[in-house]
Amino acid sequence: MPWYKSGTVSVTLNSNTVTGSGTAFIVNCRVGDAFRGPDGRWYEVTNVASNTALSIDPPYLGSTASGGSYALAPMQGYVKDSADALRSIVTTYGAQLAALKTTGNYDVLPVSKGGTGGTTQADARAGLGLGAVALDSVVPVTRGGTGGTTQATARTGLGLGTAATANTGTAAGNVTLVGAFGLGASFTTGIPSTADISGALISQTGIYRYISSTVGRPTFSNFGSLFNVAMVNDANGNYGTQLAVDYAADKIGFRRITGASGWSSWNEIYHTANTTRGSGGALSAASPIVRIASVSGSQRGDLLEQTFEAAGEWGVANDEARGVNVQRISVGEYRITGALGLALEGWRTQDPCSPDGGRTLGMSISEEAADGTVTIKLFKQRWTLSDDGEMIPGPGAPMDVPLNSWIDVRLNMPDVEQPPMPESLAAEAI
């Protein structure tokens, strides 16, 4: 075998230590090998401490030297080859071989080493901590099993009902999922629009959605949600009801189906968004309304109810009359600007009434200019006895609107530009 001479060594007179530089003593030197030092003498290797340190005997006899040349001569021949091969095995598989000492010398492998700790089934079960359930052919419910050997007996053992085997869907006998018939639908998933809310497409009770192209949709609404109640069917046909709520405007209505008579017309419901309450408490159909009264001095807590907001110091307007302004010109005389004039049809003005809904508190006269300006004049009522003995009411002295009331004026307003339709609705409307 070749001698090992890589690197250099440093030695000290009378010292057993050899220090290498650029050496690999561990794999190239064994105890018993011969070491020729920088002084040319031969020494016996007595210990290999590391790749850069070994011990020799006798102590170094030459002069102290650093970076000197050296040689290691194997003195044990084939024994060294065998040792090298064994060392390679130890280096590669040492950890695994070391583990064998804790598991490889047992007649019965304990649980702590991955075994069962037993030589019989009973001992093995005991070693693994298994209870009596390990011996059961059918594990009962009382021991965490199902108590059955078939699907049917297992369901019975677990107390499951018929829903456990039912399919999901909307047919009779199905288990319904979230969203079926519109129930539980979220804003993300939504409810699909229905092509016809008068026919078989919604023959079942549920929540549906209609759009502008839907057959049978409410006459007052283009987009909305529909609650359909299918109640009964007899020889004369179907009986049920529908409630529709517009989700683009404040509109709601209903209709019914009554046997052979078919569907009734849609009926729009009056509510706070499409009605207004007069000073005497009477309800009227909503439209652009202005209430003339002293905004700061009024004694009426309901003057600014619902959507009414101040429209000057002497008036409040609902959301359909936004942009108008009311001014007091003189005692009992008020000017309204920002409108096209008085309403084209229906009632136009309502005189102030007492809060209890009783008598009127004054008599108003309205005037309309070509530019749409409206002038309202309020007078005390004066009764005159006619030649026929009839009491005829007429205007008396001018008076301001009493602080416990107001004058209702219904206007004709310019068309309001509608906000753009949501993209999802616009796509459906095409």
Protein backbone atom coordinates (compact mmCIF):
# COMPACT_ATOMS: atom_id res chain seq x y z
CA MET A 1 0.00 0.00 0.00
CA PRO A 2 1.36 3.51 -0.75
CA TRP A 3 2.73 5.65 2.02
CA TYR A 4 0.75 8.71 3.06
CA LYS A 5 2.67 12.00 2.68
CA SER A 6 0.04 14.74 2.10
CA GLY A 7 0.55 18.07 3.85
CA THR A 8 3.28 18.93 6.34
CA VAL A 9 3.82 18.40 10.05
CA SER A 10 5.22 20.30 13.03
CA VAL A 11 7.19 18.45 15.71
CA THR A 12 8.92 19.45 18.91
CA LEU A 13 12.02 17.94 20.50
CA ASN A 14 11.12 15.40 23.23
CA SER A 15 7.36 15.72 22.47
CA ASN A 16 5.03 12.85 21.48
CA THR A 17 2.66 15.19 19.59
CA VAL A 18 2.68 15.57 15.82
CA THR A 19 0.57 18.43 14.40
CA GLY A 20 -0.43 18.22 10.75
CA SER A 21 -1.35 20.87 8.23
CA GLY A 22 -3.37 19.82 5.16
CA THR A 23 -3.43 16.24 6.52
CA ALA A 24 -6.16 13.61 6.84
CA PHE A 25 -4.78 11.27 9.49
CA ILE A 26 -8.07 9.57 10.47
CA VAL A 27 -8.60 7.71 7.20
CA ASN A 28 -4.92 7.30 6.28
CA CYS A 29 -3.26 6.29 9.54
CA ARG A 30 -3.72 3.57 12.11
CA VAL A 31 -2.20 2.87 15.50
CA GLY A 32 0.90 0.79 14.83
CA ASP A 33 1.77 2.50 11.58
CA ALA A 34 5.30 3.84 11.12
CA PHE A 35 5.93 7.59 11.13
CA ARG A 36 9.09 9.00 9.52
CA GLY A 37 9.68 12.44 10.86
CA PRO A 38 11.44 15.44 9.36
CA ASP A 39 14.65 14.19 11.09
CA GLY A 40 14.56 10.95 9.00
CA ARG A 41 14.04 8.72 12.05
CA TRP A 42 11.21 6.21 12.37
CA TYR A 43 8.62 6.28 15.13
CA GLU A 44 5.55 4.17 16.07
CA VAL A 45 2.10 5.78 15.85
CA THR A 46 0.43 5.29 19.25
CA ASN A 47 -2.76 7.37 18.81
CA VAL A 48 -4.72 9.12 16.00
CA ALA A 49 -6.55 12.01 17.66
CA SER A 50 -7.86 13.83 14.58
CA ASN A 51 -7.08 14.58 10.96
CA THR A 52 -4.34 16.98 12.12
CA ALA A 53 -3.06 15.38 15.33
CA LEU A 54 -1.42 12.07 16.24
CA SER A 55 0.98 10.72 18.88
CA ILE A 56 4.31 8.89 18.37
CA ASP A 57 6.71 6.84 20.41
CA PRO A 58 9.43 7.46 21.34
CA PRO A 59 9.13 11.22 21.77
CA TYR A 60 10.56 13.14 18.85
CA LEU A 61 14.38 12.96 18.88
CA GLY A 62 15.21 15.54 16.26
CA SER A 63 15.27 19.29 16.33
CA THR A 64 12.00 21.19 16.60
CA ALA A 65 10.63 21.75 13.11
CA SER A 66 7.57 23.40 11.50
CA GLY A 67 6.14 22.60 8.03
CA GLY A 68 8.38 19.60 7.68
CA SER A 69 7.91 16.65 5.36
CA TYR A 70 6.89 13.28 6.71
CA ALA A 71 5.64 9.83 5.72
CA LEU A 72 3.20 7.33 7.18
CA ALA A 73 3.91 3.71 6.32
CA PRO A 74 1.24 1.08 6.93
CA MET A 75 2.68 -1.78 8.89
CA GLN A 76 -0.38 -4.10 9.14
CA GLY A 77 -1.18 -4.95 5.49
CA TYR A 78 -4.55 -6.59 4.75
CA VAL A 79 -5.69 -6.06 8.33
CA LYS A 80 -5.69 -2.36 7.60
CA ASP A 81 -7.82 -2.86 4.48
CA SER A 82 -10.35 -4.75 6.56
CA ALA A 83 -10.30 -2.06 9.18
CA ASP A 84 -10.90 0.58 6.53
CA ALA A 85 -13.87 -1.33 5.13
CA LEU A 86 -15.37 -1.73 8.60
CA ARG A 87 -14.80 1.94 9.31
CA SER A 88 -16.71 2.81 6.12
CA ILE A 89 -19.64 0.67 7.28
CA VAL A 90 -19.60 2.28 10.70
CA THR A 91 -19.45 5.74 9.18
CA THR A 92 -22.40 5.06 6.85
CA TYR A 93 -24.64 2.93 9.06
CA GLY A 94 -23.36 3.65 12.54
CA ALA A 95 -26.57 5.28 13.83
CA GLN A 96 -28.73 2.43 12.61
CA LEU A 97 -26.37 -0.20 13.98
CA ALA A 98 -26.28 1.58 17.31
CA ALA A 99 -30.07 1.39 17.53
CA LEU A 100 -29.99 -2.37 17.20
CA LYS A 101 -28.46 -2.67 20.62
CA THR A 102 -31.77 -1.50 22.15
CA THR A 103 -34.15 -3.63 20.09
CA GLY A 104 -32.16 -6.43 18.59
CA ASN A 105 -31.46 -8.33 21.79
CA TYR A 106 -35.02 -8.93 23.01
CA ASP A 107 -36.78 -12.28 22.97
CA VAL A 108 -40.09 -10.33 23.31
CA LEU A 109 -40.06 -6.82 21.88
CA PRO A 110 -41.71 -4.42 24.36
CA VAL A 111 -44.21 -1.72 23.44
CA SER A 112 -41.58 0.94 24.18
CA LYS A 113 -39.53 -0.49 21.29
CA GLY A 114 -42.44 -0.81 18.86
CA GLY A 115 -43.61 -4.31 19.86
CA THR A 116 -46.61 -5.63 21.79
CA GLY A 117 -44.83 -6.89 24.87
CA GLY A 118 -46.65 -10.21 24.70
CA THR A 119 -46.21 -13.73 23.40
CA THR A 120 -49.95 -14.51 23.24
CA GLN A 121 -52.95 -12.62 21.83
CA ALA A 122 -54.15 -11.81 25.32
CA ASP A 123 -50.72 -10.58 26.46
CA ALA A 124 -50.32 -8.56 23.27
CA ARG A 125 -53.75 -6.90 23.74
CA ALA A 126 -52.91 -6.15 27.34
CA GLY A 127 -49.54 -4.72 26.34
CA LEU A 128 -51.22 -2.44 23.80
CA GLY A 129 -53.86 -1.37 26.31
CA LEU A 130 -56.74 -2.80 24.27
CA GLY A 131 -60.04 -3.29 26.06
CA ALA A 132 -62.75 -5.86 25.69
CA VAL A 133 -64.02 -4.21 22.50
CA ALA A 134 -61.05 -5.70 20.68
CA LEU A 135 -62.70 -9.11 20.98
CA ASP A 136 -66.12 -8.04 19.68
CA SER A 137 -67.13 -9.28 16.24
CA VAL A 138 -69.67 -6.44 16.12
CA VAL A 139 -68.85 -3.38 18.20
CA PRO A 140 -71.97 -2.17 20.00
CA VAL A 141 -72.96 1.49 20.28
CA THR A 142 -72.16 1.36 24.00
CA ARG A 143 -68.53 0.70 23.08
CA GLY A 144 -68.29 3.26 20.28
CA GLY A 145 -69.47 1.10 17.39
CA THR A 146 -72.67 0.98 15.36
CA GLY A 147 -74.07 -2.34 16.63
CA GLY A 148 -74.76 -3.48 13.09
CA THR A 149 -73.18 -5.53 10.33
CA THR A 150 -75.16 -3.91 7.50
CA GLN A 151 -75.88 -0.32 6.56
CA ALA A 152 -79.51 -0.66 7.68
CA THR A 153 -78.71 -2.21 11.09
CA ALA A 154 -75.90 0.30 11.61
CA ARG A 155 -78.30 3.22 10.98
CA THR A 156 -80.82 1.66 13.34
CA GLY A 157 -78.16 1.21 16.00
CA LEU A 158 -77.15 4.87 15.68
CA GLY A 159 -80.77 6.03 15.78
CA LEU A 160 -80.65 7.62 12.32
CA GLY A 161 -83.92 8.39 10.58
CA THR A 162 -84.95 8.30 6.94
CA ALA A 163 -83.17 11.60 6.20
CA ALA A 164 -79.89 9.72 6.45
CA THR A 165 -80.58 7.97 3.15
CA ALA A 166 -82.51 10.75 1.40
CA ASN A 167 -81.06 12.51 -1.64
CA THR A 168 -80.63 16.25 -1.77
CA GLY A 169 -82.73 18.27 -4.18
CA THR A 170 -86.11 19.95 -4.57
CA ALA A 171 -88.27 16.94 -5.41
CA ALA A 172 -90.70 15.43 -2.93
CA GLY A 173 -88.82 13.39 -0.33
CA ASN A 174 -85.51 15.19 -0.93
CA VAL A 175 -83.46 16.98 1.69
CA THR A 176 -83.28 20.61 0.55
CA LEU A 177 -79.97 22.44 0.49
CA VAL A 178 -79.27 26.06 1.35
CA GLY A 179 -80.61 28.19 -1.48
CA ALA A 180 -83.43 25.84 -2.50
CA PHE A 181 -86.57 27.86 -3.24
CA GLY A 182 -84.51 30.96 -2.40
CA LEU A 183 -84.17 30.03 1.28
CA GLY A 184 -80.83 30.89 2.82
CA ALA A 185 -79.42 32.39 -0.38
CA SER A 186 -76.62 34.90 0.21
CA PHE A 187 -75.80 38.13 -1.59
CA THR A 188 -72.88 36.30 -3.20
CA THR A 189 -74.87 33.42 -4.65
CA GLY A 190 -78.08 35.38 -5.16
CA ILE A 191 -81.38 34.04 -6.46
CA PRO A 192 -81.69 33.26 -10.19
CA SER A 193 -84.25 35.39 -12.03
CA THR A 194 -87.50 33.72 -13.06
CA ALA A 195 -88.86 33.95 -16.59
CA ASP A 196 -92.53 33.65 -15.60
CA ILE A 197 -94.01 34.25 -12.15
CA SER A 198 -97.49 33.32 -13.29
CA GLY A 199 -96.88 29.75 -14.42
CA ALA A 200 -95.43 26.41 -13.43
CA LEU A 201 -91.93 27.78 -12.89
CA ILE A 202 -92.97 28.95 -9.42
CA SER A 203 -95.67 26.43 -8.60
CA GLN A 204 -93.98 25.82 -5.25
CA THR A 205 -93.87 28.05 -2.20
CA GLY A 206 -90.59 29.95 -2.07
CA ILE A 207 -88.70 33.16 -2.66
CA TYR A 208 -88.00 34.14 -6.27
CA ARG A 209 -86.65 37.10 -8.26
CA TYR A 210 -88.19 38.90 -11.20
CA ILE A 211 -86.74 41.34 -13.75
CA SER A 212 -88.16 43.62 -16.42
CA SER A 213 -88.66 40.75 -18.90
CA THR A 214 -90.37 38.43 -16.41
CA VAL A 215 -93.89 37.47 -17.42
CA GLY A 216 -96.46 38.44 -14.78
CA ARG A 217 -94.20 40.90 -12.94
CA PRO A 218 -95.89 43.70 -10.97
CA THR A 219 -97.09 46.58 -13.10
CA PHE A 220 -95.43 49.04 -10.73
CA SER A 221 -92.02 47.35 -10.54
CA ASN A 222 -89.30 46.17 -12.93
CA PHE A 223 -86.93 44.43 -10.52
CA GLY A 224 -87.66 42.81 -7.19
CA SER A 225 -88.08 39.83 -4.94
CA LEU A 226 -91.21 37.70 -4.88
CA PHE A 227 -92.62 35.62 -2.03
CA ASN A 228 -94.91 33.01 -3.51
CA VAL A 229 -97.32 30.95 -1.37
CA ALA A 230 -98.88 27.96 -3.14
CA MET A 231 -101.71 27.03 -0.77
CA VAL A 232 -104.10 24.53 -2.32
CA ASN A 233 -105.41 23.06 -5.57
CA ASP A 234 -108.93 21.80 -6.21
CA ALA A 235 -111.18 21.12 -9.16
CA ASN A 236 -111.36 24.82 -9.90
CA GLY A 237 -107.57 25.35 -10.03
CA ASN A 238 -104.87 26.80 -7.84
CA TYR A 239 -105.17 29.10 -4.87
CA GLY A 240 -102.31 31.20 -3.55
CA THR A 241 -100.81 34.62 -3.02
CA GLN A 242 -97.77 36.60 -4.10
CA LEU A 243 -96.00 39.49 -2.38
CA ALA A 244 -93.58 41.54 -4.49
CA VAL A 245 -90.99 44.02 -3.17
CA ASP A 246 -89.06 46.21 -5.61
CA TYR A 247 -85.34 46.40 -4.79
CA ALA A 248 -84.66 49.44 -6.98
CA ALA A 249 -87.49 51.65 -5.65
CA ASP A 250 -89.68 51.93 -2.54
CA LYS A 251 -92.57 49.90 -3.94
CA ILE A 252 -94.42 46.86 -2.64
CA GLY A 253 -97.59 45.06 -3.72
CA PHE A 254 -99.53 41.82 -3.80
CA ARG A 255 -101.91 39.74 -5.87
CA ARG A 256 -103.82 36.49 -5.52
CA ILE A 257 -104.83 33.50 -7.61
CA THR A 258 -108.33 32.18 -6.99
CA GLY A 259 -109.18 28.97 -8.78
CA ALA A 260 -110.62 29.36 -12.25
CA SER A 261 -110.56 33.15 -11.92
CA GLY A 262 -106.79 33.12 -12.30
CA TRP A 263 -104.48 35.83 -11.11
CA SER A 264 -105.88 39.11 -9.87
CA SER A 265 -104.32 42.42 -10.88
CA TRP A 266 -101.39 43.68 -8.84
CA ASN A 267 -102.26 45.96 -5.91
CA GLU A 268 -99.65 48.45 -4.78
CA ILE A 269 -99.47 48.98 -1.01
CA TYR A 270 -99.43 52.48 0.43
CA HIS A 271 -96.72 53.06 3.04
CA THR A 272 -94.59 55.81 4.50
CA ALA A 273 -92.54 56.14 1.33
CA ASN A 274 -95.46 56.76 -1.04
CA THR A 275 -97.91 58.66 1.19
CA THR A 276 -97.81 61.90 3.12
CA ARG A 277 -99.74 62.94 6.19
CA GLY A 278 -101.50 66.27 6.21
CA SER A 279 -101.45 68.70 9.12
CA GLY A 280 -104.75 67.24 10.29
CA GLY A 281 -103.46 63.65 10.16
CA ALA A 282 -105.16 62.53 6.93
CA LEU A 283 -103.05 60.42 4.52
CA SER A 284 -102.66 61.38 0.87
CA ALA A 285 -100.79 59.82 -2.01
CA ALA A 286 -97.20 60.95 -1.97
CA SER A 287 -95.68 63.18 -4.59
CA PRO A 288 -93.52 66.31 -4.37
CA ILE A 289 -94.85 67.93 -1.17
CA VAL A 290 -93.89 71.17 0.57
CA ARG A 291 -95.14 72.06 4.03
CA ILE A 292 -95.31 75.79 4.71
CA ALA A 293 -94.56 76.58 8.35
CA SER A 294 -92.01 78.36 10.49
CA VAL A 295 -89.24 75.76 10.66
CA SER A 296 -87.65 77.25 13.78
CA GLY A 297 -90.85 78.23 15.59
CA SER A 298 -93.13 75.29 14.76
CA GLN A 299 -94.68 73.47 17.70
CA ARG A 300 -95.19 70.32 15.63
CA GLY A 301 -92.64 67.58 16.34
CA ASP A 302 -93.74 65.79 13.16
CA LEU A 303 -93.03 68.70 10.81
CA LEU A 304 -89.72 67.11 9.76
CA GLU A 305 -90.90 63.49 9.83
CA GLN A 306 -89.82 60.80 7.37
CA THR A 307 -87.98 62.36 4.39
CA PHE A 308 -88.95 65.98 5.01
CA GLU A 309 -86.04 68.43 5.24
CA ALA A 310 -85.84 72.19 5.62
CA ALA A 311 -86.42 74.16 2.39
CA GLY A 312 -85.82 77.64 3.69
CA GLU A 313 -86.90 79.26 6.94
CA TRP A 314 -90.59 78.84 6.13
CA GLY A 315 -90.89 75.41 4.59
CA VAL A 316 -89.87 71.77 4.54
CA ALA A 317 -89.85 69.48 1.48
CA ASN A 318 -89.96 65.69 1.07
CA ASP A 319 -87.39 63.82 -1.03
CA GLU A 320 -89.44 64.26 -4.22
CA ALA A 321 -89.44 68.03 -3.81
CA ARG A 322 -85.73 68.52 -3.15
CA GLY A 323 -84.43 71.83 -4.48
CA VAL A 324 -87.43 74.04 -3.73
CA ASN A 325 -87.25 77.05 -1.43
CA VAL A 326 -90.00 78.71 0.61
CA GLN A 327 -89.88 82.41 1.51
CA ARG A 328 -92.21 84.54 3.62
CA ILE A 329 -93.00 87.71 1.66
CA SER A 330 -95.33 89.31 4.19
CA VAL A 331 -97.95 88.32 6.73
CA GLY A 332 -99.73 85.28 5.33
CA GLU A 333 -97.94 85.43 1.95
CA TYR A 334 -95.34 82.78 0.92
CA ARG A 335 -93.41 82.19 -2.28
CA ILE A 336 -92.24 78.75 -3.47
CA THR A 337 -89.47 78.60 -6.09
CA GLY A 338 -87.59 75.73 -7.71
CA ALA A 339 -90.65 73.83 -8.99
CA LEU A 340 -92.51 73.79 -12.32
CA GLY A 341 -95.65 74.92 -10.55
CA LEU A 342 -98.52 73.22 -8.76
CA ALA A 343 -99.36 69.54 -9.38
CA LEU A 344 -100.99 68.98 -12.77
CA GLU A 345 -103.72 66.76 -11.35
CA GLY A 346 -105.20 65.70 -8.02
CA TRP A 347 -105.13 67.87 -4.93
CA ARG A 348 -102.85 70.90 -4.85
CA THR A 349 -103.14 72.57 -1.47
CA GLN A 350 -104.51 71.63 1.92
CA ASP A 351 -105.34 74.36 4.40
CA PRO A 352 -103.82 74.22 7.88
CA CYS A 353 -105.81 72.08 10.30
CA SER A 354 -105.79 71.66 14.05
CA PRO A 355 -103.47 68.83 15.19
CA ASP A 356 -106.44 66.74 16.35
CA GLY A 357 -107.68 66.54 12.75
CA GLY A 358 -110.57 68.86 13.38
CA ARG A 359 -111.43 72.22 11.91
CA THR A 360 -109.34 74.18 9.47
CA LEU A 361 -107.36 77.07 10.92
CA GLY A 362 -107.33 79.29 7.87
CA MET A 363 -108.17 79.62 4.20
CA SER A 364 -105.46 79.59 1.55
CA ILE A 365 -105.40 80.90 -2.01
CA SER A 366 -102.77 79.76 -4.51
CA GLU A 367 -101.34 81.57 -7.52
CA GLU A 368 -99.03 80.14 -10.18
CA ALA A 369 -96.69 82.17 -12.38
CA ALA A 370 -95.48 81.22 -15.86
CA ASP A 371 -91.97 80.47 -14.55
CA GLY A 372 -93.36 77.93 -12.05
CA THR A 373 -93.21 80.21 -9.02
CA VAL A 374 -96.08 79.47 -6.64
CA THR A 375 -97.53 82.03 -4.26
CA ILE A 376 -99.64 80.90 -1.34
CA LYS A 377 -101.71 83.42 0.65
CA LEU A 378 -103.34 82.48 3.96
CA PHE A 379 -106.33 84.32 5.44
CA LYS A 380 -108.50 83.99 8.46
CA GLN A 381 -111.89 82.50 7.65
CA ARG A 382 -114.72 85.03 7.51
CA TRP A 383 -118.29 83.82 7.33
CA THR A 384 -120.89 85.86 5.47
CA LEU A 385 -124.63 85.36 5.67
CA SER A 386 -126.14 85.23 2.21
CA ASP A 387 -129.51 86.59 1.25
CA ASP A 388 -130.78 83.03 1.40
CA GLY A 389 -129.60 82.67 5.00
CA GLU A 390 -126.63 80.44 4.13
CA MET A 391 -123.27 80.89 5.87
CA ILE A 392 -120.60 81.28 3.17
CA PRO A 393 -116.90 81.07 4.14
CA GLY A 394 -114.48 83.57 2.61
CA PRO A 395 -111.05 85.08 3.14
CA GLY A 396 -110.65 87.53 5.95
CA ALA A 397 -107.55 89.25 7.25
CA PRO A 398 -104.13 87.83 6.27
CA MET A 399 -102.55 85.54 8.85
CA ASP A 400 -99.33 83.58 9.20
CA VAL A 401 -99.42 79.81 9.42
CA PRO A 402 -100.27 78.84 13.02
CA LEU A 403 -97.30 77.34 14.86
CA ASN A 404 -99.30 74.17 15.58
CA SER A 405 -100.03 73.44 11.91
CA TRP A 406 -98.82 73.84 8.33
CA ILE A 407 -100.05 74.26 4.74
CA ASP A 408 -99.52 71.26 2.41
CA VAL A 409 -98.65 72.18 -1.18
CA ARG A 410 -98.35 69.52 -3.87
CA LEU A 411 -95.96 70.47 -6.69
CA ASN A 412 -94.98 69.57 -10.20
CA MET A 413 -91.22 69.00 -10.19
CA PRO A 414 -88.65 68.67 -12.97
CA ASP A 415 -87.74 65.11 -13.88
CA VAL A 416 -84.94 63.82 -11.67
CA GLU A 417 -82.07 62.08 -13.39
CA GLN A 418 -82.15 58.50 -12.20
CA PRO A 419 -78.93 56.94 -10.91
CA PRO A 420 -77.37 54.39 -13.26
CA MET A 421 -78.78 50.90 -13.03
CA PRO A 422 -76.50 48.35 -11.34
CA GLU A 423 -74.49 46.43 -13.90
CA SER A 424 -76.04 43.13 -12.89
CA LEU A 425 -79.55 44.50 -13.48
CA ALA A 426 -78.59 46.30 -16.67
CA ALA A 427 -77.33 43.05 -18.15
CA GLU A 428 -80.58 41.28 -17.32
CA ALA A 429 -82.67 44.08 -18.79
CA ILE A 430 -81.15 43.68 -22.25
